[in-house]
C-alpha atoms as a PDB file:
ATOM      1  CA  UNK A   1      42.629  60.631  81.557  1.00  0.00           C
ATOM      2  CA  UNK A   2      43.757  58.806  84.651  1.00  0.00           C
ATOM      3  CA  UNK A   3      44.540  55.893  82.078  1.00  0.00           C
ATOM      4  CA  UNK A   4      46.856  58.018  80.121  1.00  0.00           C
ATOM      5  CA  UNK A   5      48.471  59.432  83.427  1.00  0.00           C
ATOM      6  CA  UNK A   6      49.381  56.118  84.435  1.00  0.00           C
ATOM      7  CA  UNK A   7      50.634  54.999  81.448  1.00  0.00           C
ATOM      8  CA  UNK A   8      52.768  57.873  81.303  1.00  0.00           C
ATOM      9  CA  UNK A   9      53.927  57.649  84.717  1.00  0.00           C
ATOM     10  CA  UNK A  10      54.410  53.939  84.633  1.00  0.00           C
ATOM     11  CA  UNK A  11      58.376  53.964  83.960  1.00  0.00           C
ATOM     12  CA  UNK A  12      58.726  55.799  86.921  1.00  0.00           C
ATOM     13  CA  UNK A  13      56.384  53.969  89.187  1.00  0.00           C
ATOM     14  CA  UNK A  14      58.196  50.853  87.869  1.00  0.00           C
ATOM     15  CA  UNK A  15      61.415  52.448  88.869  1.00  0.00           C
ATOM     16  CA  UNK A  16      60.448  53.612  92.463  1.00  0.00           C
ATOM     17  CA  UNK A  17      59.122  49.825  92.967  1.00  0.00           C
ATOM     18  CA  UNK A  18      62.464  48.401  92.114  1.00  0.00           C
ATOM     19  CA  UNK A  19      64.385  51.097  94.467  1.00  0.00           C
ATOM     20  CA  UNK A  20      61.882  50.246  97.190  1.00  0.00           C
ATOM     21  CA  UNK A  21      62.673  46.733  96.768  1.00  0.00           C
ATOM     22  CA  UNK A  22      66.272  47.291  96.868  1.00  0.00           C
ATOM     23  CA  UNK A  23      66.266  49.615  99.615  1.00  0.00           C
ATOM     24  CA  UNK A  24      64.435  46.792 101.655  1.00  0.00           C
ATOM     25  CA  UNK A  25      66.992  44.479 100.909  1.00  0.00           C
ATOM     26  CA  UNK A  26      69.851  46.530 102.157  1.00  0.00           C
ATOM     27  CA  UNK A  27      68.206  46.891 105.665  1.00  0.00           C
ATOM     28  CA  UNK A  28      67.628  43.186 105.659  1.00  0.00           C
ATOM     29  CA  UNK A  29      71.085  42.593 104.887  1.00  0.00           C
ATOM     30  CA  UNK A  30      72.162  45.031 107.508  1.00  0.00           C
ATOM     31  CA  UNK A  31      70.135  44.025 110.246  1.00  0.00           C
ATOM     32  CA  UNK A  32      71.195  40.659 109.842  1.00  0.00           C
ATOM     33  CA  UNK A  33      75.071  41.335 109.852  1.00  0.00           C
ATOM     34  CA  UNK A  34      75.178  41.332 113.895  1.00  0.00           C
ATOM     35  CA  UNK A  35      73.773  38.254 113.767  1.00  0.00           C
ATOM     36  CA  UNK A  36      76.124  36.168 111.345  1.00  0.00           C
ATOM     37  CA  UNK A  37      79.229  37.989 112.845  1.00  0.00           C
ATOM     38  CA  UNK A  38      77.969  36.682 116.313  1.00  0.00           C
ATOM     39  CA  UNK A  39      77.784  32.798 114.784  1.00  0.00           C
ATOM     40  CA  UNK A  40      81.079  33.573 113.393  1.00  0.00           C
ATOM     41  CA  UNK A  41      82.609  34.125 116.525  1.00  0.00           C
ATOM     42  CA  UNK A  42      80.713  31.041 117.998  1.00  0.00           C
ATOM     43  CA  UNK A  43      82.345  29.144 115.529  1.00  0.00           C
ATOM     44  CA  UNK A  44      85.985  30.443 116.122  1.00  0.00           C
ATOM     45  CA  UNK A  45      85.499  29.574 119.410  1.00  0.00           C
ATOM     46  CA  UNK A  46      84.390  25.649 118.570  1.00  0.00           C
ATOM     47  CA  UNK A  47      87.095  25.785 116.034  1.00  0.00           C
ATOM     48  CA  UNK A  48      89.882  27.037 118.814  1.00  0.00           C
ATOM     49  CA  UNK A  49      88.391  24.293 121.273  1.00  0.00           C
ATOM     50  CA  UNK A  50      88.605  21.601 118.564  1.00  0.00           C
ATOM     51  CA  UNK A  51      92.550  22.410 117.942  1.00  0.00           C
ATOM     52  CA  UNK A  52      91.706  23.362 114.304  1.00  0.00           C
ATOM     53  CA  UNK A  53      92.730  27.090 114.808  1.00  0.00           C
ATOM     54  CA  UNK A  54      95.966  27.891 116.765  1.00  0.00           C
ATOM     55  CA  UNK A  55      95.469  30.547 119.165  1.00  0.00           C
ATOM     56  CA  UNK A  56      97.268  33.544 117.087  1.00  0.00           C
ATOM     57  CA  UNK A  57      94.907  32.590 114.214  1.00  0.00           C
ATOM     58  CA  UNK A  58      92.133  32.660 116.373  1.00  0.00           C
ATOM     59  CA  UNK A  59      93.183  35.751 117.979  1.00  0.00           C
ATOM     60  CA  UNK A  60      93.376  37.576 114.746  1.00  0.00           C
ATOM     61  CA  UNK A  61      89.879  36.599 113.277  1.00  0.00           C
ATOM     62  CA  UNK A  62      88.416  37.393 116.429  1.00  0.00           C
ATOM     63  CA  UNK A  63      89.909  40.697 116.623  1.00  0.00           C
ATOM     64  CA  UNK A  64      88.277  41.335 113.088  1.00  0.00           C
ATOM     65  CA  UNK A  65      84.819  39.960 113.878  1.00  0.00           C
ATOM     66  CA  UNK A  66      84.468  42.120 116.893  1.00  0.00           C
ATOM     67  CA  UNK A  67      86.233  45.313 115.045  1.00  0.00           C
ATOM     68  CA  UNK A  68      82.940  44.837 112.751  1.00  0.00           C
ATOM     69  CA  UNK A  69      80.692  44.424 115.741  1.00  0.00           C
ATOM     70  CA  UNK A  70      82.037  47.800 117.313  1.00  0.00           C
ATOM     71  CA  UNK A  71      81.664  49.828 113.974  1.00  0.00           C
ATOM     72  CA  UNK A  72      77.745  47.909 113.564  1.00  0.00           C
ATOM     73  CA  UNK A  73      77.284  49.212 117.328  1.00  0.00           C
ATOM     74  CA  UNK A  74      78.636  52.867 116.602  1.00  0.00           C
ATOM     75  CA  UNK A  75      76.585  53.009 113.665  1.00  0.00           C
ATOM     76  CA  UNK A  76      73.568  52.026 115.514  1.00  0.00           C
ATOM     77  CA  UNK A  77      74.290  54.447 118.489  1.00  0.00           C
ATOM     78  CA  UNK A  78      74.603  57.503 116.010  1.00  0.00           C
ATOM     79  CA  UNK A  79      71.635  56.460 114.201  1.00  0.00           C
ATOM     80  CA  UNK A  80      69.790  56.762 117.637  1.00  0.00           C
ATOM     81  CA  UNK A  81      71.516  59.823 118.703  1.00  0.00           C
ATOM     82  CA  UNK A  82      70.546  61.702 114.778  1.00  0.00           C
ATOM     83  CA  UNK A  83      66.915  60.261 115.574  1.00  0.00           C
ATOM     84  CA  UNK A  84      66.790  62.116 119.195  1.00  0.00           C
ATOM     85  CA  UNK A  85      68.432  65.102 117.947  1.00  0.00           C
ATOM     86  CA  UNK A  86      65.638  65.370 115.374  1.00  0.00           C
ATOM     87  CA  UNK A  87      62.925  65.215 117.931  1.00  0.00           C
ATOM     88  CA  UNK A  88      64.939  67.732 120.553  1.00  0.00           C
ATOM     89  CA  UNK A  89      64.972  70.261 117.348  1.00  0.00           C
ATOM     90  CA  UNK A  90      61.050  69.706 117.219  1.00  0.00           C
ATOM     91  CA  UNK A  91      60.492  70.593 120.753  1.00  0.00           C
ATOM     92  CA  UNK A  92      62.538  73.905 120.869  1.00  0.00           C
ATOM     93  CA  UNK A  93      60.328  74.827 117.990  1.00  0.00           C
ATOM     94  CA  UNK A  94      57.600  74.364 119.934  1.00  0.00           C
ATOM     95  CA  UNK A  95      58.557  76.231 122.883  1.00  0.00           C
ATOM     96  CA  UNK A  96      59.627  79.478 120.502  1.00  0.00           C
ATOM     97  CA  UNK A  97      55.825  78.890 119.393  1.00  0.00           C
ATOM     98  CA  UNK A  98      54.541  78.899 122.377  1.00  0.00           C
ATOM     99  CA  UNK A  99      56.183  82.191 123.482  1.00  0.00           C
ATOM    100  CA  UNK A 100      55.409  83.445 120.201  1.00  0.00           C
ATOM    101  CA  UNK A 101      51.462  82.955 121.100  1.00  0.00           C
ATOM    102  CA  UNK A 102      52.239  84.841 124.399  1.00  0.00           C
ATOM    103  CA  UNK A 103      53.292  87.498 122.968  1.00  0.00           C
ATOM    104  CA  UNK A 104      50.868  87.595 120.227  1.00  0.00           C
ATOM    105  CA  UNK A 105      48.101  87.328 123.054  1.00  0.00           C
ATOM    106  CA  UNK A 106      49.840  90.034 125.166  1.00  0.00           C
ATOM    107  CA  UNK A 107      49.490  92.333 122.310  1.00  0.00           C
ATOM    108  CA  UNK A 108      46.299  91.523 121.202  1.00  0.00           C
ATOM    109  CA  UNK A 109      44.967  92.490 124.684  1.00  0.00           C
ATOM    110  CA  UNK A 110      47.034  95.851 124.781  1.00  0.00           C
ATOM    111  CA  UNK A 111      49.359  94.594 127.683  1.00  0.00           C
ATOM    112  CA  UNK A 112      52.830  94.841 127.510  1.00  0.00           C
ATOM    113  CA  UNK A 113      55.506  92.519 128.986  1.00  0.00           C
ATOM    114  CA  UNK A 114      55.971  94.712 131.896  1.00  0.00           C
ATOM    115  CA  UNK A 115      52.258  95.171 132.840  1.00  0.00           C
ATOM    116  CA  UNK A 116      52.151  91.201 132.466  1.00  0.00           C
ATOM    117  CA  UNK A 117      55.411  90.725 134.656  1.00  0.00           C
ATOM    118  CA  UNK A 118      54.111  93.290 137.325  1.00  0.00           C
ATOM    119  CA  UNK A 119      52.112  91.822 140.312  1.00  0.00           C
ATOM    120  CA  UNK A 120      48.542  93.680 140.534  1.00  0.00           C
ATOM    121  CA  UNK A 121      48.409  96.691 142.677  1.00  0.00           C
ATOM    122  CA  UNK A 122      45.810  97.148 145.501  1.00  0.00           C
ATOM    123  CA  UNK A 123      44.675 100.518 145.420  1.00  0.00           C
END
């Protein structure tokens, strides 16, 4: 039975493996882009110092590289903020469930909110 299942699912598992490998390659390329841009910026400074680039050429190329670096930083910050938002949502759900648990406990013991909030009376 398992052999037949594997044979029937093999095209899909192969396709999933290819997609995972592509995903890994894209992530690696994106992670290395910042390093490549930094190296390009260093190369531009060296070319300017040796006189192979004019000041205008240098400024145009430098601006393009710095703009791309800013875009990468903004994307990283957006990803970090998104992951922080997801974590924050889970915390608020936990608080809501804690309140619901307290309400359930009060109902099961037969106490209402007023009785829980009122201080005990001394007879």
